[in-house]
Amino acid sequence: MSANIIENLTVCEIKEVSTLRIDEVLELVGLLGRKNDLFRNFSLGMKQRLGIAAALLPKPKVLILDEPVNGLDPAGIHEVRNLLRNLADSGISIVVSSHILSELEVIADHLVVVNHGKVLFQGATKDLLAAHKPRLAVRGSGASDLKTLQEIVSTAGFVGEISEDQLMVVAPESFAGELNKAAFDKGIILTLLQVTRPTLEESFFEITGGEK
């Protein structure tokens, strides 16, 4: 017979934690209304939240989680992400170990980047992302414009690489206006001039010297 939530959380008695905390933590993780449901009927995301509820029973100041969204569908990821943000906003320090860099970029306020046992970065997520130059995605009205645009970029002292139907330029955001004017002077009407900032994954590869 599959146990329900209450039966799963009564293990807290072994830890000498009051069972009065059960309803409190279930409300925190959004499962209070499902406390009498069978565990076997839970989605993976709900099971993950139940596990977090069990970890919250002793009122920890620090919560350590390993790959909390691994294997979850988009809905489950959204549920756990919102839960972690709410817990962090309530004053609990949450340490997440994960290889899903796109998720860490969304949820982490601070990062410690470790590569082969060596700490390469420790600080605010925004600081790591800001440390690397943005890129400009540029496109003219015709395919032949890309070569001319690449020459304009090279003359200005920057690097531009043609990727499919656009030119990717590694340059400060302030160069966008200068590039737009130079293109216009060459008779090129830009159909795309967009600033793209490095993702956490790209920043990771840059500081580790790895390849994508």
N, C-alpha and C. Protein backbone atom coordinates (compact mmCIF):
# COMPACT_ATOMS: atom_id res chain seq x y z
N MET A 1 0.85 -1.19 0.00
CA MET A 1 0.00 0.00 0.00
C MET A 1 0.88 1.24 0.00
N SER A 2 0.53 2.19 -0.87
CA SER A 2 1.31 3.42 -0.97
C SER A 2 0.92 4.37 0.15
N ALA A 3 1.92 4.99 0.78
CA ALA A 3 1.66 5.91 1.88
C ALA A 3 1.22 7.26 1.35
N ASN A 4 0.44 7.99 2.17
CA ASN A 4 0.10 9.36 1.80
C ASN A 4 1.16 10.32 2.36
N ILE A 5 0.95 11.60 2.14
CA ILE A 5 1.96 12.59 2.54
C ILE A 5 2.21 12.55 4.05
N ILE A 6 1.14 12.52 4.81
CA ILE A 6 1.29 12.53 6.27
C ILE A 6 2.15 11.37 6.73
N GLU A 7 1.89 10.18 6.18
CA GLU A 7 2.67 9.00 6.57
C GLU A 7 4.12 9.13 6.14
N ASN A 8 4.36 9.80 5.01
CA ASN A 8 5.74 10.00 4.56
C ASN A 8 6.48 10.97 5.45
N LEU A 9 5.78 11.96 5.98
CA LEU A 9 6.45 12.97 6.79
C LEU A 9 6.50 12.64 8.27
N THR A 10 5.79 11.59 8.72
CA THR A 10 5.85 11.26 10.13
C THR A 10 7.20 10.69 10.53
N VAL A 11 8.09 10.49 9.56
CA VAL A 11 9.47 10.13 9.89
C VAL A 11 10.09 11.22 10.74
N CYS A 12 9.46 12.42 10.70
CA CYS A 12 9.98 13.53 11.49
C CYS A 12 9.97 13.21 12.97
N GLU A 13 9.12 12.28 13.43
CA GLU A 13 9.08 11.92 14.84
C GLU A 13 10.40 11.29 15.27
N ILE A 14 11.03 10.56 14.35
CA ILE A 14 12.31 9.94 14.65
C ILE A 14 13.36 11.02 14.88
N LYS A 15 13.20 12.14 14.15
CA LYS A 15 14.15 13.24 14.26
C LYS A 15 13.79 14.18 15.41
N GLU A 16 12.78 13.80 16.18
CA GLU A 16 12.33 14.60 17.31
C GLU A 16 11.87 15.99 16.86
N VAL A 17 11.19 16.04 15.71
CA VAL A 17 10.62 17.27 15.20
C VAL A 17 9.11 17.18 15.37
N SER A 18 8.50 18.23 15.87
CA SER A 18 7.07 18.21 16.13
C SER A 18 6.27 18.00 14.85
N THR A 19 5.28 17.11 14.93
CA THR A 19 4.42 16.85 13.78
C THR A 19 3.54 18.07 13.47
N LEU A 20 3.49 19.02 14.38
CA LEU A 20 2.73 20.24 14.12
C LEU A 20 3.33 21.03 12.96
N ARG A 21 4.58 20.74 12.66
CA ARG A 21 5.26 21.43 11.57
C ARG A 21 4.82 20.91 10.20
N ILE A 22 4.16 19.76 10.17
CA ILE A 22 3.83 19.15 8.88
C ILE A 22 2.95 20.05 8.03
N ASP A 23 1.85 20.52 8.60
CA ASP A 23 0.96 21.40 7.83
C ASP A 23 1.67 22.67 7.40
N GLU A 24 2.55 23.17 8.26
CA GLU A 24 3.27 24.41 7.96
C GLU A 24 4.18 24.24 6.75
N VAL A 25 4.95 23.14 6.73
CA VAL A 25 5.87 22.96 5.61
C VAL A 25 5.13 22.57 4.34
N LEU A 26 4.02 21.84 4.48
CA LEU A 26 3.24 21.48 3.30
C LEU A 26 2.65 22.73 2.66
N GLU A 27 2.26 23.69 3.48
CA GLU A 27 1.75 24.95 2.94
C GLU A 27 2.86 25.72 2.23
N LEU A 28 4.05 25.67 2.79
CA LEU A 28 5.19 26.36 2.18
C LEU A 28 5.49 25.84 0.79
N VAL A 29 5.37 24.52 0.60
CA VAL A 29 5.69 23.93 -0.71
C VAL A 29 4.46 23.75 -1.58
N GLY A 30 3.31 24.24 -1.14
CA GLY A 30 2.10 24.19 -1.95
C GLY A 30 1.42 22.84 -2.02
N LEU A 31 1.57 22.02 -0.98
CA LEU A 31 0.98 20.68 -0.99
C LEU A 31 -0.02 20.45 0.14
N LEU A 32 -0.39 21.50 0.83
CA LEU A 32 -1.28 21.32 1.98
C LEU A 32 -2.60 20.68 1.58
N GLY A 33 -3.13 21.08 0.44
CA GLY A 33 -4.40 20.54 -0.01
C GLY A 33 -4.32 19.11 -0.51
N ARG A 34 -3.10 18.58 -0.61
CA ARG A 34 -2.92 17.22 -1.12
C ARG A 34 -2.37 16.28 -0.05
N LYS A 35 -2.44 16.68 1.21
CA LYS A 35 -1.75 15.93 2.26
C LYS A 35 -2.30 14.52 2.48
N ASN A 36 -3.52 14.25 2.07
CA ASN A 36 -4.08 12.90 2.25
C ASN A 36 -4.01 12.07 0.96
N ASP A 37 -3.37 12.64 -0.08
CA ASP A 37 -3.25 11.92 -1.34
C ASP A 37 -2.14 10.88 -1.26
N LEU A 38 -2.26 9.86 -2.08
CA LEU A 38 -1.24 8.82 -2.10
C LEU A 38 0.02 9.31 -2.81
N PHE A 39 1.15 8.96 -2.24
CA PHE A 39 2.44 9.37 -2.78
C PHE A 39 2.64 8.86 -4.21
N ARG A 40 2.14 7.65 -4.48
CA ARG A 40 2.36 7.04 -5.80
C ARG A 40 1.65 7.81 -6.91
N ASN A 41 0.67 8.62 -6.56
CA ASN A 41 -0.06 9.39 -7.56
C ASN A 41 0.56 10.75 -7.84
N PHE A 42 1.65 11.07 -7.15
CA PHE A 42 2.28 12.37 -7.31
C PHE A 42 3.13 12.42 -8.58
N SER A 43 3.18 13.60 -9.18
CA SER A 43 4.10 13.83 -10.29
C SER A 43 5.51 13.94 -9.70
N LEU A 44 6.51 13.88 -10.58
CA LEU A 44 7.89 13.99 -10.11
C LEU A 44 8.14 15.34 -9.44
N GLY A 45 7.52 16.38 -10.00
CA GLY A 45 7.67 17.71 -9.40
C GLY A 45 7.08 17.78 -8.00
N MET A 46 5.95 17.16 -7.79
CA MET A 46 5.32 17.14 -6.48
C MET A 46 6.16 16.32 -5.49
N LYS A 47 6.72 15.21 -5.97
CA LYS A 47 7.60 14.41 -5.10
C LYS A 47 8.83 15.22 -4.70
N GLN A 48 9.33 16.01 -5.63
CA GLN A 48 10.49 16.85 -5.33
C GLN A 48 10.14 17.88 -4.26
N ARG A 49 8.95 18.45 -4.38
CA ARG A 49 8.52 19.44 -3.38
C ARG A 49 8.28 18.78 -2.02
N LEU A 50 7.80 17.54 -2.05
CA LEU A 50 7.60 16.82 -0.79
C LEU A 50 8.95 16.57 -0.11
N GLY A 51 9.96 16.22 -0.90
CA GLY A 51 11.29 16.03 -0.35
C GLY A 51 11.83 17.30 0.28
N ILE A 52 11.56 18.43 -0.37
CA ILE A 52 11.98 19.72 0.19
C ILE A 52 11.23 20.01 1.48
N ALA A 53 9.94 19.63 1.52
CA ALA A 53 9.15 19.82 2.73
C ALA A 53 9.75 19.05 3.90
N ALA A 54 10.18 17.82 3.64
CA ALA A 54 10.80 17.01 4.69
C ALA A 54 12.09 17.67 5.20
N ALA A 55 12.84 18.26 4.27
CA ALA A 55 14.09 18.93 4.65
C ALA A 55 13.82 20.19 5.47
N LEU A 56 12.63 20.77 5.30
CA LEU A 56 12.29 22.01 6.00
C LEU A 56 11.76 21.77 7.41
N LEU A 57 11.43 20.53 7.73
CA LEU A 57 10.81 20.24 9.03
C LEU A 57 11.62 20.74 10.23
N PRO A 58 12.94 20.57 10.26
CA PRO A 58 13.70 21.04 11.44
C PRO A 58 14.05 22.53 11.42
N LYS A 59 13.39 23.30 10.56
CA LYS A 59 13.62 24.74 10.45
C LYS A 59 15.09 25.08 10.17
N PRO A 60 15.62 24.58 9.07
CA PRO A 60 17.04 24.84 8.78
C PRO A 60 17.27 26.29 8.36
N LYS A 61 18.45 26.80 8.68
CA LYS A 61 18.84 28.13 8.21
C LYS A 61 19.46 28.03 6.83
N VAL A 62 20.01 26.83 6.54
CA VAL A 62 20.62 26.58 5.24
C VAL A 62 20.03 25.30 4.66
N LEU A 63 19.60 25.37 3.41
CA LEU A 63 19.04 24.21 2.72
C LEU A 63 19.96 23.87 1.55
N ILE A 64 20.48 22.65 1.52
CA ILE A 64 21.41 22.23 0.47
C ILE A 64 20.70 21.23 -0.44
N LEU A 65 20.65 21.55 -1.72
CA LEU A 65 19.93 20.72 -2.68
C LEU A 65 20.86 20.33 -3.83
N ASP A 66 20.77 19.09 -4.26
CA ASP A 66 21.58 18.60 -5.37
C ASP A 66 20.68 18.35 -6.57
N GLU A 67 20.87 19.10 -7.64
CA GLU A 67 20.10 18.96 -8.88
C GLU A 67 18.59 18.93 -8.61
N PRO A 68 18.03 19.97 -8.00
CA PRO A 68 16.62 19.94 -7.62
C PRO A 68 15.63 19.88 -8.78
N VAL A 69 16.05 20.26 -10.00
CA VAL A 69 15.10 20.21 -11.11
C VAL A 69 15.46 19.13 -12.13
N ASN A 70 16.41 18.29 -11.79
CA ASN A 70 16.83 17.24 -12.73
C ASN A 70 15.69 16.28 -13.03
N GLY A 71 15.40 16.08 -14.30
CA GLY A 71 14.36 15.14 -14.72
C GLY A 71 12.95 15.68 -14.69
N LEU A 72 12.78 16.94 -14.29
CA LEU A 72 11.43 17.51 -14.22
C LEU A 72 10.99 18.05 -15.57
N ASP A 73 9.66 18.03 -15.80
CA ASP A 73 9.14 18.65 -17.01
C ASP A 73 9.05 20.16 -16.78
N PRO A 74 8.75 20.95 -17.81
CA PRO A 74 8.73 22.41 -17.64
C PRO A 74 7.84 22.89 -16.50
N ALA A 75 6.69 22.24 -16.32
CA ALA A 75 5.79 22.65 -15.24
C ALA A 75 6.43 22.38 -13.88
N GLY A 76 7.09 21.22 -13.76
CA GLY A 76 7.75 20.88 -12.50
C GLY A 76 8.91 21.81 -12.20
N ILE A 77 9.66 22.16 -13.24
CA ILE A 77 10.78 23.10 -13.07
C ILE A 77 10.26 24.43 -12.58
N HIS A 78 9.17 24.89 -13.17
CA HIS A 78 8.58 26.18 -12.77
C HIS A 78 8.13 26.14 -11.30
N GLU A 79 7.53 25.02 -10.89
CA GLU A 79 7.06 24.87 -9.51
C GLU A 79 8.23 24.95 -8.53
N VAL A 80 9.28 24.17 -8.80
CA VAL A 80 10.42 24.14 -7.89
C VAL A 80 11.17 25.47 -7.90
N ARG A 81 11.29 26.07 -9.07
CA ARG A 81 11.96 27.37 -9.16
C ARG A 81 11.26 28.42 -8.30
N ASN A 82 9.94 28.49 -8.42
CA ASN A 82 9.19 29.46 -7.62
C ASN A 82 9.29 29.16 -6.13
N LEU A 83 9.28 27.87 -5.79
CA LEU A 83 9.41 27.47 -4.39
C LEU A 83 10.74 27.93 -3.81
N LEU A 84 11.82 27.70 -4.54
CA LEU A 84 13.14 28.07 -4.05
C LEU A 84 13.27 29.58 -3.89
N ARG A 85 12.70 30.34 -4.82
CA ARG A 85 12.74 31.79 -4.72
C ARG A 85 11.97 32.26 -3.50
N ASN A 86 10.80 31.68 -3.25
CA ASN A 86 10.00 32.06 -2.08
C ASN A 86 10.72 31.72 -0.78
N LEU A 87 11.37 30.56 -0.75
CA LEU A 87 12.10 30.17 0.45
C LEU A 87 13.28 31.11 0.69
N ALA A 88 13.99 31.45 -0.38
CA ALA A 88 15.12 32.37 -0.25
C ALA A 88 14.66 33.73 0.23
N ASP A 89 13.51 34.19 -0.30
CA ASP A 89 12.97 35.49 0.11
C ASP A 89 12.52 35.48 1.57
N SER A 90 12.22 34.28 2.09
CA SER A 90 11.79 34.17 3.49
C SER A 90 12.96 34.19 4.46
N GLY A 91 14.19 34.14 3.93
CA GLY A 91 15.37 34.23 4.79
C GLY A 91 16.19 32.97 4.88
N ILE A 92 15.78 31.90 4.19
CA ILE A 92 16.55 30.66 4.20
C ILE A 92 17.65 30.74 3.13
N SER A 93 18.86 30.41 3.51
CA SER A 93 19.95 30.36 2.53
C SER A 93 19.89 29.01 1.82
N ILE A 94 19.86 29.05 0.50
CA ILE A 94 19.73 27.82 -0.28
C ILE A 94 20.99 27.63 -1.13
N VAL A 95 21.62 26.48 -0.95
CA VAL A 95 22.81 26.12 -1.73
C VAL A 95 22.39 25.05 -2.73
N VAL A 96 22.56 25.34 -4.01
CA VAL A 96 22.15 24.41 -5.06
C VAL A 96 23.38 23.95 -5.83
N SER A 97 23.55 22.65 -5.92
CA SER A 97 24.59 22.07 -6.76
C SER A 97 23.92 21.59 -8.04
N SER A 98 24.39 22.09 -9.19
CA SER A 98 23.72 21.71 -10.43
C SER A 98 24.65 21.90 -11.62
N HIS A 99 24.42 21.07 -12.65
CA HIS A 99 25.13 21.21 -13.91
C HIS A 99 24.23 21.86 -14.96
N ILE A 100 22.99 22.18 -14.57
CA ILE A 100 22.05 22.81 -15.50
C ILE A 100 22.26 24.32 -15.40
N LEU A 101 23.20 24.84 -16.17
CA LEU A 101 23.61 26.23 -16.04
C LEU A 101 22.51 27.21 -16.41
N SER A 102 21.68 26.85 -17.37
CA SER A 102 20.59 27.74 -17.76
C SER A 102 19.61 27.96 -16.61
N GLU A 103 19.44 26.93 -15.78
CA GLU A 103 18.54 27.06 -14.62
C GLU A 103 19.19 27.88 -13.53
N LEU A 104 20.49 27.65 -13.29
CA LEU A 104 21.19 28.43 -12.28
C LEU A 104 21.20 29.91 -12.64
N GLU A 105 21.27 30.21 -13.92
CA GLU A 105 21.26 31.60 -14.35
C GLU A 105 19.97 32.30 -13.93
N VAL A 106 18.88 31.53 -13.89
CA VAL A 106 17.57 32.08 -13.54
C VAL A 106 17.40 32.20 -12.04
N ILE A 107 17.86 31.21 -11.26
CA ILE A 107 17.52 31.17 -9.84
C ILE A 107 18.62 31.62 -8.89
N ALA A 108 19.88 31.60 -9.34
CA ALA A 108 20.98 31.84 -8.40
C ALA A 108 21.34 33.32 -8.29
N ASP A 109 21.43 33.81 -7.06
CA ASP A 109 21.89 35.18 -6.82
C ASP A 109 23.41 35.24 -6.79
N HIS A 110 24.03 34.18 -6.26
CA HIS A 110 25.49 34.10 -6.19
C HIS A 110 25.96 32.74 -6.71
N LEU A 111 27.16 32.73 -7.25
CA LEU A 111 27.69 31.51 -7.84
C LEU A 111 29.08 31.20 -7.33
N VAL A 112 29.37 29.91 -7.26
CA VAL A 112 30.73 29.44 -7.09
C VAL A 112 30.98 28.48 -8.25
N VAL A 113 31.89 28.85 -9.13
CA VAL A 113 32.20 28.01 -10.29
C VAL A 113 33.44 27.19 -9.98
N VAL A 114 33.28 25.87 -10.00
CA VAL A 114 34.38 24.96 -9.68
C VAL A 114 34.70 24.11 -10.90
N ASN A 115 35.96 24.05 -11.26
CA ASN A 115 36.39 23.24 -12.39
C ASN A 115 37.60 22.41 -11.97
N HIS A 116 37.44 21.08 -11.98
CA HIS A 116 38.50 20.17 -11.56
C HIS A 116 39.02 20.52 -10.16
N GLY A 117 38.09 20.81 -9.27
CA GLY A 117 38.45 21.08 -7.88
C GLY A 117 38.98 22.47 -7.60
N LYS A 118 39.06 23.31 -8.61
CA LYS A 118 39.59 24.66 -8.44
C LYS A 118 38.47 25.70 -8.58
N VAL A 119 38.38 26.61 -7.61
CA VAL A 119 37.37 27.67 -7.66
C VAL A 119 37.83 28.73 -8.65
N LEU A 120 37.06 28.91 -9.73
CA LEU A 120 37.41 29.89 -10.76
C LEU A 120 36.66 31.20 -10.60
N PHE A 121 35.52 31.16 -9.94
CA PHE A 121 34.75 32.38 -9.71
C PHE A 121 33.89 32.20 -8.48
N GLN A 122 33.77 33.28 -7.72
CA GLN A 122 32.87 33.30 -6.57
C GLN A 122 32.34 34.71 -6.42
N GLY A 123 31.03 34.85 -6.57
CA GLY A 123 30.45 36.18 -6.47
C GLY A 123 29.04 36.21 -7.03
N ALA A 124 28.54 37.42 -7.26
CA ALA A 124 27.18 37.60 -7.76
C ALA A 124 27.07 37.10 -9.20
N THR A 125 25.97 36.45 -9.51
CA THR A 125 25.73 35.95 -10.86
C THR A 125 25.81 37.08 -11.88
N LYS A 126 25.23 38.21 -11.54
CA LYS A 126 25.22 39.34 -12.47
C LYS A 126 26.63 39.85 -12.76
N ASP A 127 27.52 39.73 -11.78
CA ASP A 127 28.90 40.18 -11.98
C ASP A 127 29.64 39.29 -12.97
N LEU A 128 29.39 37.98 -12.89
CA LEU A 128 30.03 37.06 -13.83
C LEU A 128 29.54 37.32 -15.24
N LEU A 129 28.23 37.53 -15.39
CA LEU A 129 27.67 37.76 -16.72
C LEU A 129 28.14 39.10 -17.30
N ALA A 130 28.28 40.09 -16.41
CA ALA A 130 28.69 41.42 -16.87
C ALA A 130 30.18 41.49 -17.20
N ALA A 131 30.96 40.50 -16.73
CA ALA A 131 32.41 40.53 -16.93
C ALA A 131 32.79 40.20 -18.37
N HIS A 132 31.86 39.65 -19.12
CA HIS A 132 32.18 39.25 -20.49
C HIS A 132 31.44 40.13 -21.49
N LYS A 133 32.12 40.44 -22.57
CA LYS A 133 31.61 41.40 -23.53
C LYS A 133 30.31 40.91 -24.19
N PRO A 134 29.39 41.85 -24.40
CA PRO A 134 28.18 41.49 -25.14
C PRO A 134 28.51 41.31 -26.61
N ARG A 135 27.57 40.80 -27.37
CA ARG A 135 27.75 40.64 -28.81
C ARG A 135 26.62 41.35 -29.53
N LEU A 136 26.91 41.80 -30.72
CA LEU A 136 25.90 42.45 -31.55
C LEU A 136 25.54 41.49 -32.68
N ALA A 137 24.27 41.22 -32.83
CA ALA A 137 23.78 40.42 -33.96
C ALA A 137 23.32 41.41 -35.02
N VAL A 138 23.92 41.32 -36.22
CA VAL A 138 23.67 42.30 -37.28
C VAL A 138 23.28 41.59 -38.57
N ARG A 139 22.31 42.19 -39.28
CA ARG A 139 21.90 41.64 -40.56
C ARG A 139 21.48 42.77 -41.49
N GLY A 140 21.89 42.70 -42.74
CA GLY A 140 21.46 43.67 -43.73
C GLY A 140 20.28 43.13 -44.51
N SER A 141 19.88 43.88 -45.53
CA SER A 141 18.71 43.46 -46.32
C SER A 141 19.06 42.38 -47.34
N GLY A 142 20.37 42.21 -47.61
CA GLY A 142 20.79 41.19 -48.56
C GLY A 142 21.96 40.38 -48.03
N ALA A 143 22.13 39.16 -48.55
CA ALA A 143 23.20 38.28 -48.07
C ALA A 143 24.57 38.87 -48.33
N SER A 144 24.71 39.63 -49.43
CA SER A 144 26.00 40.22 -49.77
C SER A 144 26.43 41.31 -48.79
N ASP A 145 25.47 41.81 -48.01
CA ASP A 145 25.78 42.88 -47.05
C ASP A 145 26.68 42.39 -45.91
N LEU A 146 26.64 41.09 -45.64
CA LEU A 146 27.37 40.58 -44.48
C LEU A 146 28.88 40.79 -44.61
N LYS A 147 29.41 40.58 -45.79
CA LYS A 147 30.84 40.78 -46.01
C LYS A 147 31.23 42.23 -45.80
N THR A 148 30.42 43.14 -46.32
CA THR A 148 30.69 44.57 -46.15
C THR A 148 30.61 44.96 -44.67
N LEU A 149 29.63 44.44 -43.98
CA LEU A 149 29.49 44.71 -42.56
C LEU A 149 30.68 44.17 -41.78
N GLN A 150 31.16 42.99 -42.18
CA GLN A 150 32.32 42.40 -41.52
C GLN A 150 33.56 43.28 -41.72
N GLU A 151 33.69 43.86 -42.90
CA GLU A 151 34.81 44.77 -43.17
C GLU A 151 34.71 46.03 -42.32
N ILE A 152 33.50 46.56 -42.16
CA ILE A 152 33.29 47.75 -41.33
C ILE A 152 33.71 47.46 -39.89
N VAL A 153 33.30 46.30 -39.40
CA VAL A 153 33.61 45.90 -38.03
C VAL A 153 35.11 45.73 -37.85
N SER A 154 35.78 45.09 -38.82
CA SER A 154 37.22 44.86 -38.75
C SER A 154 37.99 46.18 -38.76
N THR A 155 37.54 47.12 -39.58
CA THR A 155 38.18 48.42 -39.66
C THR A 155 38.07 49.17 -38.33
N ALA A 156 36.98 48.93 -37.63
CA ALA A 156 36.78 49.58 -36.33
C ALA A 156 37.56 48.90 -35.22
N GLY A 157 38.21 47.78 -35.53
CA GLY A 157 39.05 47.10 -34.54
C GLY A 157 38.35 46.00 -33.76
N PHE A 158 37.21 45.55 -34.27
CA PHE A 158 36.47 44.50 -33.59
C PHE A 158 36.40 43.24 -34.46
N VAL A 159 35.95 42.16 -33.86
CA VAL A 159 35.87 40.88 -34.56
C VAL A 159 34.42 40.55 -34.87
N GLY A 160 34.18 40.22 -36.14
CA GLY A 160 32.83 39.82 -36.53
C GLY A 160 32.87 38.50 -37.28
N GLU A 161 32.00 37.57 -36.90
CA GLU A 161 31.95 36.26 -37.55
C GLU A 161 30.58 36.06 -38.18
N ILE A 162 30.59 35.63 -39.43
CA ILE A 162 29.33 35.38 -40.12
C ILE A 162 28.79 34.02 -39.68
N SER A 163 27.58 34.04 -39.19
CA SER A 163 26.92 32.83 -38.73
C SER A 163 25.54 32.74 -39.37
N GLU A 164 25.42 31.80 -40.31
CA GLU A 164 24.18 31.64 -41.08
C GLU A 164 23.84 32.95 -41.80
N ASP A 165 22.75 33.63 -41.43
CA ASP A 165 22.34 34.83 -42.18
C ASP A 165 22.60 36.12 -41.41
N GLN A 166 23.53 36.06 -40.43
CA GLN A 166 23.81 37.28 -39.67
C GLN A 166 25.27 37.34 -39.28
N LEU A 167 25.68 38.53 -38.85
CA LEU A 167 27.04 38.75 -38.41
C LEU A 167 27.04 38.91 -36.90
N MET A 168 27.87 38.13 -36.20
CA MET A 168 27.98 38.23 -34.76
C MET A 168 29.25 39.02 -34.44
N VAL A 169 29.10 40.11 -33.73
CA VAL A 169 30.21 41.03 -33.47
C VAL A 169 30.48 41.08 -31.97
N VAL A 170 31.72 40.83 -31.57
CA VAL A 170 32.13 40.97 -30.18
C VAL A 170 32.59 42.40 -29.99
N ALA A 171 31.77 43.21 -29.35
CA ALA A 171 32.08 44.64 -29.20
C ALA A 171 31.19 45.22 -28.11
N PRO A 172 31.58 46.38 -27.56
CA PRO A 172 30.74 47.03 -26.54
C PRO A 172 29.38 47.42 -27.13
N GLU A 173 28.39 47.54 -26.28
CA GLU A 173 27.05 47.93 -26.73
C GLU A 173 27.07 49.30 -27.41
N SER A 174 27.99 50.14 -26.95
CA SER A 174 28.08 51.50 -27.50
C SER A 174 28.46 51.52 -28.98
N PHE A 175 29.02 50.42 -29.48
CA PHE A 175 29.44 50.34 -30.88
C PHE A 175 28.24 50.20 -31.82
N ALA A 176 27.10 49.87 -31.29
CA ALA A 176 25.91 49.63 -32.12
C ALA A 176 25.55 50.86 -32.95
N GLY A 177 25.56 52.03 -32.33
CA GLY A 177 25.22 53.25 -33.05
C GLY A 177 26.22 53.57 -34.14
N GLU A 178 27.50 53.39 -33.83
CA GLU A 178 28.57 53.64 -34.81
C GLU A 178 28.45 52.68 -35.99
N LEU A 179 28.14 51.44 -35.70
CA LEU A 179 27.99 50.44 -36.76
C LEU A 179 26.80 50.76 -37.65
N ASN A 180 25.72 51.18 -37.04
CA ASN A 180 24.51 51.52 -37.79
C ASN A 180 24.78 52.67 -38.76
N LYS A 181 25.50 53.69 -38.30
CA LYS A 181 25.82 54.84 -39.14
C LYS A 181 26.76 54.45 -40.28
N ALA A 182 27.80 53.64 -39.93
CA ALA A 182 28.76 53.21 -40.95
C ALA A 182 28.08 52.37 -42.02
N ALA A 183 27.15 51.53 -41.62
CA ALA A 183 26.41 50.70 -42.58
C ALA A 183 25.56 51.57 -43.49
N PHE A 184 24.91 52.55 -42.91
CA PHE A 184 24.06 53.46 -43.70
C PHE A 184 24.89 54.21 -44.73
N ASP A 185 26.09 54.64 -44.31
CA ASP A 185 26.99 55.35 -45.23
C ASP A 185 27.40 54.47 -46.41
N LYS A 186 27.39 53.15 -46.20
CA LYS A 186 27.73 52.20 -47.26
C LYS A 186 26.49 51.79 -48.07
N GLY A 187 25.36 52.40 -47.74
CA GLY A 187 24.13 52.07 -48.46
C GLY A 187 23.43 50.83 -47.96
N ILE A 188 23.78 50.40 -46.75
CA ILE A 188 23.18 49.19 -46.18
C ILE A 188 22.12 49.57 -45.15
N ILE A 189 20.94 49.06 -45.33
CA ILE A 189 19.87 49.24 -44.35
C ILE A 189 19.84 48.01 -43.46
N LEU A 190 20.10 48.19 -42.18
CA LEU A 190 20.12 47.06 -41.26
C LEU A 190 18.71 46.60 -40.94
N THR A 191 18.49 45.30 -41.08
CA THR A 191 17.20 44.71 -40.70
C THR A 191 17.27 44.07 -39.32
N LEU A 192 18.51 43.97 -38.79
CA LEU A 192 18.68 43.46 -37.44
C LEU A 192 19.92 44.10 -36.82
N LEU A 193 19.75 44.65 -35.64
CA LEU A 193 20.86 45.17 -34.85
C LEU A 193 20.48 44.95 -33.39
N GLN A 194 20.92 43.84 -32.86
CA GLN A 194 20.47 43.40 -31.54
C GLN A 194 21.65 43.09 -30.63
N VAL A 195 21.57 43.60 -29.40
CA VAL A 195 22.59 43.31 -28.40
C VAL A 195 22.24 42.01 -27.70
N THR A 196 23.15 41.06 -27.71
CA THR A 196 22.94 39.79 -27.00
C THR A 196 24.04 39.64 -25.95
N ARG A 197 23.64 39.36 -24.74
CA ARG A 197 24.61 39.21 -23.66
C ARG A 197 24.94 37.74 -23.45
N PRO A 198 26.15 37.45 -23.00
CA PRO A 198 26.55 36.05 -22.81
C PRO A 198 25.65 35.33 -21.81
N THR A 199 25.35 34.09 -22.09
CA THR A 199 24.61 33.27 -21.14
C THR A 199 25.59 32.77 -20.09
N LEU A 200 25.05 32.20 -19.03
CA LEU A 200 25.91 31.64 -17.99
C LEU A 200 26.75 30.50 -18.56
N GLU A 201 26.17 29.72 -19.46
CA GLU A 201 26.92 28.61 -20.07
C GLU A 201 28.11 29.15 -20.86
N GLU A 202 27.89 30.21 -21.64
CA GLU A 202 28.97 30.80 -22.42
C GLU A 202 30.04 31.39 -21.51
N SER A 203 29.61 32.03 -20.42
CA SER A 203 30.57 32.59 -19.47
C SER A 203 31.38 31.48 -18.80
N PHE A 204 30.72 30.36 -18.50
CA PHE A 204 31.42 29.23 -17.90
C PHE A 204 32.51 28.72 -18.82
N PHE A 205 32.18 28.52 -20.07
CA PHE A 205 33.19 28.03 -21.01
C PHE A 205 34.32 29.02 -21.20
N GLU A 206 34.00 30.30 -21.11
CA GLU A 206 35.04 31.31 -21.28
C GLU A 206 36.04 31.28 -20.13
N ILE A 207 35.54 31.16 -18.90
CA ILE A 207 36.47 31.20 -17.77
C ILE A 207 37.17 29.86 -17.54
N THR A 208 36.57 28.78 -18.06
CA THR A 208 37.21 27.47 -17.90
C THR A 208 38.10 27.13 -19.09
N GLY A 209 37.97 27.90 -20.16
CA GLY A 209 38.78 27.62 -21.34
C GLY A 209 38.29 26.42 -22.10
N GLY A 210 37.05 25.98 -21.83
CA GLY A 210 36.50 24.81 -22.49
C GLY A 210 35.89 25.15 -23.81
N GLU A 211 35.50 24.13 -24.52
CA GLU A 211 34.86 24.30 -25.81
C GLU A 211 33.37 23.98 -25.68
N LYS A 212 32.57 24.67 -26.46
CA LYS A 212 31.13 24.44 -26.44
C LYS A 212 30.79 23.12 -27.12
